Each structure stands twice: as C-alpha cells, then as structure tokens.
C-alpha cells in the first residue's frame, strides 16, 4: 500500500514538504530494501516521482516518507520514474 498525503511536514527522507504537494509514504516492505546502512535519508526512492493509478485515474506523487504500518503495494499500479 502507498499512502498519498497532503500534509506539511518532515518525512523519513529528510525532505520538508508543504500541504499543496502530492507526496507519498511508501510501505516499509517496499521502502526499506532501498535504504543503505539503515539511513532513510539515503534511500534511493527518496525524491523520485511515482505515477499511481487507481479507479479514479492516475496521479504523480513524490516519495518523501516511510509508512511502517502499510502493507506492500501491488506493483501493477505503480510506475517509478
């Protein structure tokens, strides 16, 4: 699962976003394998744009956080650019 948020704050990637940005917290099972040495600020997914497709269309979001309680996503609906 991914969690698209529109809240301002500081995420696991070390980026501060504002409430007008579409950002995403990736599920820990999808985020953690890309975290070298356990430092989420160096995760290679951080800052990447992801296109997410759902029943109401497609939206592009930026990876800024990790969601420890979320489950892994269905990769068929995600395009990482």
Protein backbone atom coordinates (compact mmCIF):
# COMPACT_ATOMS: atom_id res chain seq x y z
CA UNK A 1 0.00 0.00 0.00
CA UNK A 2 1.11 3.53 -0.59
CA UNK A 3 -0.19 6.40 1.40
CA UNK A 4 -0.66 9.63 -0.55
CA UNK A 5 -0.69 12.59 1.80
CA UNK A 6 -1.32 16.32 1.52
CA UNK A 7 0.06 17.30 4.92
CA UNK A 8 3.04 19.51 5.58
CA UNK A 9 5.93 18.02 7.47
CA UNK A 10 9.27 16.28 7.58
CA UNK A 11 9.38 12.71 6.29
CA UNK A 12 11.82 9.83 6.62
CA UNK A 13 13.67 11.03 3.52
CA UNK A 14 14.63 14.25 5.28
CA UNK A 15 12.54 16.44 2.95
CA UNK A 16 10.10 19.02 4.23
CA UNK A 17 7.00 19.28 2.08
CA UNK A 18 4.08 21.66 2.16
CA UNK A 19 0.35 20.96 2.15
CA UNK A 20 -0.03 21.76 -1.57
CA UNK A 21 2.33 18.96 -2.71
CA UNK A 22 1.19 15.44 -3.52
CA UNK A 23 3.67 13.26 -1.67
CA UNK A 24 3.76 9.63 -0.69
CA UNK A 25 4.89 7.49 2.21
CA UNK A 26 6.00 4.12 0.84
CA UNK A 27 5.15 0.94 2.73
CA UNK A 28 8.14 -0.22 4.78
CA UNK A 29 8.49 -3.52 2.82
CA UNK A 30 8.81 -1.51 -0.41
CA UNK A 31 10.93 1.32 1.05
CA UNK A 32 13.43 -0.49 3.28
CA UNK A 33 15.31 -2.55 0.63
CA UNK A 34 16.47 0.75 -0.90
CA UNK A 35 17.80 2.15 2.41
CA UNK A 36 21.60 1.77 2.53
CA UNK A 37 23.07 1.29 6.00
CA UNK A 38 19.68 1.87 7.65
CA UNK A 39 19.74 5.62 6.86
CA UNK A 40 16.36 6.53 5.27
CA UNK A 41 17.75 9.91 4.15
CA UNK A 42 19.91 7.99 1.65
CA UNK A 43 17.08 5.82 0.32
CA UNK A 44 17.29 5.80 -3.48
CA UNK A 45 13.49 6.12 -3.78
CA UNK A 46 13.51 9.46 -1.93
CA UNK A 47 12.57 12.35 -4.17
CA UNK A 48 11.55 10.07 -7.05
CA UNK A 49 8.28 10.65 -8.84
CA UNK A 50 5.78 7.81 -8.88
CA UNK A 51 2.70 7.54 -11.06
CA UNK A 52 -0.10 5.82 -9.16
CA UNK A 53 -3.15 4.50 -10.99
CA UNK A 54 -6.42 3.80 -9.22
CA UNK A 55 -10.12 3.60 -10.05
CA UNK A 56 -10.38 7.39 -10.48
CA UNK A 57 -7.30 7.85 -12.68
CA UNK A 58 -3.58 8.47 -12.35
CA UNK A 59 -1.69 10.89 -10.12
CA UNK A 60 2.02 11.65 -9.85
CA UNK A 61 3.46 11.89 -6.34
CA UNK A 62 6.94 12.35 -4.83
CA UNK A 63 8.40 9.86 -2.34
CA UNK A 64 9.18 11.66 0.95
CA UNK A 65 8.38 9.20 3.73
CA UNK A 66 8.16 5.62 5.02
CA UNK A 67 4.92 4.06 6.28
CA UNK A 68 5.73 1.35 8.86
CA UNK A 69 2.12 0.18 9.23
CA UNK A 70 1.34 -0.01 5.48
CA UNK A 71 1.42 -3.26 3.53
CA UNK A 72 3.38 -3.81 0.34
CA UNK A 73 1.90 -2.44 -2.88
CA UNK A 74 0.63 -4.08 -6.00
CA UNK A 75 3.38 -3.16 -8.43
CA UNK A 76 1.00 -3.28 -11.41
CA UNK A 77 -0.45 0.11 -10.40
CA UNK A 78 2.87 1.88 -9.75
CA UNK A 79 5.32 3.41 -12.22
CA UNK A 80 8.53 4.76 -10.69
CA UNK A 81 10.22 7.36 -12.86
